[in-house]
Amino acid sequence: MMETQSGNTKIVWRVVLFFLFYLLFRMIVEFMLRITTMTLGPTLPEAVCNFMLIPDEEYGYLVTGSMSVLISGLAFLISGLMIRAKAFEYDKKYTPKEGKRKLNAEFIALTVFASIGLSIALNILILKSGVAQISQEYEETAALQYSCSFPVGVIVYGFLSPFSEELMFRGILYNGLKRVFPVKSAMVLTAALFALYHGNGVQAMFAFLLSIFIIYSYETTGCFWVTFGIHSICNLSSYIMTYVSEGFGANTMWIICGVTALISAISIYLLYFRKTDERKESK
């Protein structure tokens, strides 16, 4: 018994250390890219320099919003590539091999509807309920996210960060934790860490619910690319909605929130609960 507990403790610490290494490595890469930009930027052609840097009376130059977000995206990409071998190794070893859902057209369409509906409904609920306004950390994060050009934001938040985060959180962290804990416990622990990772309470609420949905889909399909797809769609939906909805009134936003929440609920029911109900009725 003691040997089993010791072995489980080693597994947990190995996973946690890998997670800490990922965070530290990403911070170092981002810092190095920022220093490189500040050093080399002024020597580059004017058009390139203007994209990367903005003149400042006190510091000489500051990194532009687009370049700052792009640096973050490159740090995500490099960190993800560093851990991809271990993530895919864990994915191959510890995801379910039997009883997996087929990725047919119906499943893909319902997953897309569920992801878009969940993302938009939760974002509107958070914004219009006033929760977002009481978090300074969230306001600072949002200011950075929307300080870049739209194409840069789509690339970074829609593809680069979801790819890296899914490799770490679902590929390594979740698969590692469920070697020690029951699936439901590992699911909640991973979701909680994913929420804390975002650094502010507003995003944490959204991230926790999103993570539960992603992991449940992962367990059902056994496919890493489903987790990446859901994460990417949710991020893109949130990001695009902010630009599209700027001229909408409060009543319109609440209607959109209700409609998208209903679409998401129906899609999730059809995905994961319809067959359960049918089996109960047949008994």
Protein backbone atom coordinates (compact mmCIF):
# COMPACT_ATOMS: atom_id res chain seq x y z
CA MET A 1 0.00 0.00 0.00
CA MET A 2 2.79 2.42 0.94
CA GLU A 3 4.60 1.58 -2.30
CA THR A 4 1.46 2.40 -4.30
CA GLN A 5 1.02 5.75 -2.53
CA SER A 6 4.69 6.57 -3.09
CA GLY A 7 4.37 5.71 -6.77
CA ASN A 8 1.24 7.87 -7.10
CA THR A 9 2.99 10.78 -5.37
CA LYS A 10 5.87 10.53 -7.83
CA ILE A 11 3.47 10.56 -10.77
CA VAL A 12 1.67 13.67 -9.45
CA TRP A 13 4.94 15.51 -8.77
CA ARG A 14 6.26 14.58 -12.21
CA VAL A 15 3.15 16.04 -13.84
CA VAL A 16 3.21 19.17 -11.66
CA LEU A 17 6.92 19.77 -12.36
CA PHE A 18 6.28 19.35 -16.08
CA PHE A 19 3.52 21.95 -15.79
CA LEU A 20 5.80 24.36 -13.91
CA PHE A 21 8.54 23.81 -16.49
CA TYR A 22 6.08 24.67 -19.24
CA LEU A 23 5.07 27.93 -17.52
CA LEU A 24 8.67 28.92 -16.79
CA PHE A 25 9.88 28.09 -20.28
CA ARG A 26 7.05 30.10 -21.88
CA MET A 27 7.85 33.11 -19.66
CA ILE A 28 11.56 32.91 -20.57
CA VAL A 29 10.83 32.64 -24.30
CA GLU A 30 8.43 35.59 -24.13
CA PHE A 31 10.99 37.69 -22.22
CA MET A 32 13.75 36.86 -24.71
CA LEU A 33 11.52 37.69 -27.71
CA ARG A 34 10.56 41.01 -26.13
CA ILE A 35 14.21 41.94 -25.49
CA THR A 36 15.11 40.93 -29.05
CA THR A 37 12.30 43.08 -30.42
CA MET A 38 13.41 46.12 -28.41
CA THR A 39 17.05 45.62 -29.47
CA LEU A 40 16.67 44.82 -33.16
CA GLY A 41 13.45 46.68 -33.93
CA PRO A 42 14.97 50.16 -34.47
CA THR A 43 17.55 48.74 -36.93
CA LEU A 44 14.91 47.17 -39.20
CA PRO A 45 13.09 48.88 -42.11
CA GLU A 46 10.71 51.64 -41.04
CA ALA A 47 7.52 49.74 -41.88
CA VAL A 48 8.67 46.73 -39.83
CA CYS A 49 9.83 48.95 -36.96
CA ASN A 50 6.48 50.76 -36.88
CA PHE A 51 4.66 47.42 -36.60
CA MET A 52 6.92 46.30 -33.76
CA LEU A 53 7.63 49.46 -31.78
CA ILE A 54 6.10 52.81 -30.92
CA PRO A 55 8.22 55.85 -29.91
CA ASP A 56 8.08 56.82 -26.24
CA GLU A 57 9.56 59.94 -24.64
CA GLU A 58 10.57 58.21 -21.41
CA TYR A 59 11.78 54.79 -22.63
CA GLY A 60 12.63 55.52 -26.27
CA TYR A 61 10.45 52.73 -27.62
CA LEU A 62 7.60 50.53 -26.41
CA VAL A 63 6.36 47.30 -27.97
CA THR A 64 3.10 47.79 -29.91
CA GLY A 65 -0.05 45.91 -28.98
CA SER A 66 0.09 43.73 -32.10
CA MET A 67 3.74 42.83 -31.54
CA SER A 68 3.17 42.15 -27.85
CA VAL A 69 0.37 39.69 -28.65
CA LEU A 70 2.43 38.13 -31.45
CA ILE A 71 5.36 37.64 -29.05
CA SER A 72 2.97 35.89 -26.66
CA GLY A 73 1.73 33.71 -29.51
CA LEU A 74 5.24 32.72 -30.56
CA ALA A 75 6.05 31.84 -26.94
CA PHE A 76 2.95 29.63 -26.87
CA LEU A 77 3.94 27.95 -30.13
CA ILE A 78 7.55 27.28 -29.11
CA SER A 79 6.45 25.97 -25.69
CA GLY A 80 3.87 23.73 -27.31
CA LEU A 81 6.41 22.30 -29.74
CA MET A 82 8.77 21.63 -26.83
CA ILE A 83 6.22 19.44 -25.01
CA ARG A 84 4.39 17.93 -28.00
CA ALA A 85 6.27 14.60 -27.93
CA LYS A 86 5.40 13.95 -24.28
CA ALA A 87 1.81 15.17 -24.78
CA PHE A 88 1.18 12.82 -27.72
CA GLU A 89 2.88 9.98 -25.84
CA TYR A 90 0.47 10.48 -22.90
CA ASP A 91 -2.42 10.88 -25.32
CA LYS A 92 -1.62 7.54 -26.94
CA LYS A 93 -1.14 5.70 -23.63
CA TYR A 94 -3.92 7.01 -21.44
CA THR A 95 -6.89 7.95 -23.63
CA PRO A 96 -9.71 5.39 -24.00
CA LYS A 97 -9.14 2.82 -26.73
CA GLU A 98 -12.62 1.28 -26.77
CA GLY A 99 -16.12 2.73 -27.05
CA LYS A 100 -14.96 5.97 -28.66
CA ARG A 101 -17.44 8.20 -30.48
CA LYS A 102 -17.11 8.36 -34.23
CA LEU A 103 -16.23 11.79 -35.56
CA ASN A 104 -19.02 11.85 -38.13
CA ALA A 105 -20.69 14.93 -39.63
CA GLU A 106 -23.45 15.04 -36.98
CA PHE A 107 -20.99 14.88 -34.09
CA ILE A 108 -18.76 17.58 -35.60
CA ALA A 109 -21.70 19.92 -36.35
CA LEU A 110 -23.21 19.53 -32.87
CA THR A 111 -19.81 20.06 -31.23
CA VAL A 112 -19.30 23.27 -33.24
CA PHE A 113 -22.78 24.56 -32.25
CA ALA A 114 -22.23 23.61 -28.61
CA SER A 115 -18.81 25.33 -28.53
CA ILE A 116 -19.98 28.55 -30.18
CA GLY A 117 -23.15 28.73 -28.09
CA LEU A 118 -21.36 28.03 -24.80
CA SER A 119 -18.63 30.56 -25.50
CA ILE A 120 -20.89 33.42 -26.59
CA ALA A 121 -23.51 32.85 -23.87
CA LEU A 122 -20.94 32.73 -21.06
CA ASN A 123 -19.08 35.79 -22.34
CA ILE A 124 -22.22 37.90 -22.61
CA LEU A 125 -23.38 36.70 -19.18
CA ILE A 126 -20.05 37.67 -17.62
CA LEU A 127 -19.88 41.05 -19.36
CA LYS A 128 -23.50 42.12 -18.87
CA SER A 129 -23.81 40.88 -15.29
CA GLY A 130 -21.17 43.40 -14.22
CA VAL A 131 -18.74 40.76 -12.95
CA ALA A 132 -16.07 41.81 -15.46
CA GLN A 133 -16.04 45.41 -14.24
CA ILE A 134 -14.99 44.48 -10.69
CA SER A 135 -11.79 42.69 -11.75
CA GLN A 136 -8.82 44.94 -12.52
CA GLU A 137 -6.79 41.91 -13.63
CA TYR A 138 -9.44 41.02 -16.19
CA GLU A 139 -9.58 44.59 -17.48
CA GLU A 140 -5.80 44.59 -17.98
CA THR A 141 -5.90 41.20 -19.74
CA ALA A 142 -8.75 42.32 -22.00
CA ALA A 143 -6.92 45.56 -22.83
CA LEU A 144 -3.89 43.56 -23.99
CA GLN A 145 -5.96 41.06 -25.99
CA TYR A 146 -7.78 43.76 -27.93
CA SER A 147 -4.81 46.11 -28.37
CA CYS A 148 -3.60 44.13 -31.38
CA SER A 149 -4.86 44.05 -34.95
CA PHE A 150 -7.73 41.68 -35.66
CA PRO A 151 -5.74 39.20 -37.85
CA VAL A 152 -2.98 38.91 -35.22
CA GLY A 153 -5.57 38.26 -32.50
CA VAL A 154 -7.27 35.56 -34.58
CA ILE A 155 -3.98 33.74 -35.21
CA VAL A 156 -2.74 33.93 -31.62
CA TYR A 157 -5.95 33.39 -29.65
CA GLY A 158 -7.67 31.19 -32.22
CA PHE A 159 -4.81 28.79 -33.00
CA LEU A 160 -1.45 29.25 -31.28
CA SER A 161 -2.54 29.49 -27.63
CA PRO A 162 -5.22 26.73 -27.86
CA PHE A 163 -2.70 24.35 -29.44
CA SER A 164 -0.11 24.88 -26.70
CA GLU A 165 -2.61 24.88 -23.84
CA GLU A 166 -4.34 21.70 -24.99
CA LEU A 167 -1.01 19.88 -25.26
CA MET A 168 -0.23 20.86 -21.69
CA PHE A 169 -3.58 20.72 -19.91
CA ARG A 170 -5.35 17.87 -21.64
CA GLY A 171 -2.44 16.01 -23.23
CA ILE A 172 -0.10 15.92 -20.21
CA LEU A 173 -1.79 17.28 -17.09
CA TYR A 174 -5.16 15.53 -17.37
CA ASN A 175 -3.77 12.26 -18.71
CA GLY A 176 -1.16 12.30 -15.94
CA LEU A 177 -3.62 13.03 -13.15
CA LYS A 178 -6.09 10.35 -14.20
CA ARG A 179 -3.36 7.74 -13.70
CA VAL A 180 -3.68 8.51 -9.98
CA PHE A 181 -7.20 9.86 -9.47
CA PRO A 182 -10.62 8.74 -10.76
CA VAL A 183 -11.59 10.30 -14.09
CA LYS A 184 -14.08 12.75 -12.54
CA SER A 185 -11.57 13.91 -9.93
CA ALA A 186 -8.85 14.35 -12.55
CA MET A 187 -11.34 16.27 -14.68
CA VAL A 188 -12.19 18.71 -11.88
CA LEU A 189 -8.54 19.13 -10.82
CA THR A 190 -7.44 19.87 -14.38
CA ALA A 191 -10.31 22.32 -14.87
CA ALA A 192 -9.41 24.07 -11.60
CA LEU A 193 -5.75 24.40 -12.62
CA PHE A 194 -6.79 25.67 -16.05
CA ALA A 195 -8.98 28.27 -14.33
CA LEU A 196 -6.19 29.38 -11.95
CA TYR A 197 -3.75 29.53 -14.86
CA HIS A 198 -5.74 32.41 -16.38
CA GLY A 199 -4.86 34.62 -13.44
CA ASN A 200 -8.17 36.39 -12.82
CA GLY A 201 -11.54 35.39 -11.45
CA VAL A 202 -13.59 36.42 -14.48
CA GLN A 203 -11.70 34.31 -16.99
CA ALA A 204 -11.37 31.54 -14.40
CA MET A 205 -15.14 31.00 -14.31
CA PHE A 206 -15.30 30.71 -18.08
CA ALA A 207 -12.16 28.56 -18.26
CA PHE A 208 -13.40 26.07 -15.63
CA LEU A 209 -16.68 25.37 -17.46
CA LEU A 210 -14.95 25.26 -20.83
CA SER A 211 -12.37 22.81 -19.49
CA ILE A 212 -15.06 20.44 -18.16
CA PHE A 213 -16.74 20.40 -21.58
CA ILE A 214 -13.43 19.87 -23.37
CA ILE A 215 -12.32 17.00 -21.12
CA TYR A 216 -15.71 15.27 -21.34
CA SER A 217 -15.47 15.47 -25.14
CA TYR A 218 -11.90 14.17 -24.95
CA GLU A 219 -12.91 11.17 -22.83
CA THR A 220 -15.79 10.43 -25.19
CA THR A 221 -13.78 10.58 -28.41
CA GLY A 222 -10.22 9.83 -27.27
CA CYS A 223 -9.04 12.41 -29.82
CA PHE A 224 -6.69 15.28 -28.90
CA TRP A 225 -7.70 17.24 -32.01
CA VAL A 226 -11.28 17.45 -30.75
CA THR A 227 -10.03 19.30 -27.66
CA PHE A 228 -7.98 21.66 -29.82
CA GLY A 229 -10.95 22.27 -32.12
CA ILE A 230 -13.34 23.10 -29.26
CA HIS A 231 -10.81 25.39 -27.57
CA SER A 232 -10.05 27.14 -30.86
CA ILE A 233 -13.74 27.63 -31.73
CA CYS A 234 -14.53 29.00 -28.25
CA ASN A 235 -11.63 31.46 -28.35
CA LEU A 236 -12.50 32.63 -31.87
CA SER A 237 -16.19 33.01 -30.98
CA SER A 238 -15.33 35.16 -27.96
CA TYR A 239 -12.81 37.24 -29.85
CA ILE A 240 -14.98 37.86 -32.93
CA MET A 241 -18.08 38.55 -30.81
CA THR A 242 -16.36 41.47 -29.11
CA TYR A 243 -15.85 43.21 -32.47
CA VAL A 244 -19.25 42.35 -33.94
CA SER A 245 -21.31 43.26 -30.86
CA GLU A 246 -19.90 46.73 -30.17
CA GLY A 247 -22.97 48.47 -31.61
CA PHE A 248 -25.55 46.16 -30.03
CA GLY A 249 -27.82 47.35 -27.23
CA ALA A 250 -28.17 45.63 -23.86
CA ASN A 251 -31.51 44.00 -24.74
CA THR A 252 -30.10 42.62 -27.99
CA MET A 253 -27.13 41.17 -26.14
CA TRP A 254 -29.37 39.43 -23.61
CA ILE A 255 -31.46 37.95 -26.43
CA ILE A 256 -28.28 36.67 -28.12
CA CYS A 257 -27.17 35.25 -24.77
CA GLY A 258 -30.44 33.36 -24.35
CA VAL A 259 -30.51 32.04 -27.92
CA THR A 260 -26.88 30.86 -27.88
CA ALA A 261 -27.32 29.27 -24.43
CA LEU A 262 -30.34 27.35 -25.77
CA ILE A 263 -28.42 26.25 -28.87
CA SER A 264 -25.55 25.06 -26.70
CA ALA A 265 -27.84 23.20 -24.28
CA ILE A 266 -29.70 21.42 -27.10
CA SER A 267 -26.45 20.52 -28.85
CA ILE A 268 -24.88 19.11 -25.67
CA TYR A 269 -28.05 17.12 -24.95
CA LEU A 270 -28.04 15.64 -28.46
CA LEU A 271 -24.34 14.88 -28.18
CA TYR A 272 -24.14 13.21 -24.78
CA PHE A 273 -27.56 12.58 -23.19
CA ARG A 274 -29.95 11.58 -25.97
CA LYS A 275 -28.64 8.01 -26.23
CA THR A 276 -28.73 7.62 -22.46
CA ASP A 277 -32.43 8.55 -22.46
CA GLU A 278 -33.12 6.19 -25.35
CA ARG A 279 -31.48 3.29 -23.45
CA LYS A 280 -33.57 4.05 -20.36
CA GLU A 281 -36.78 4.04 -22.42
CA SER A 282 -35.90 0.74 -24.09
CA LYS A 283 -35.47 -1.07 -20.71
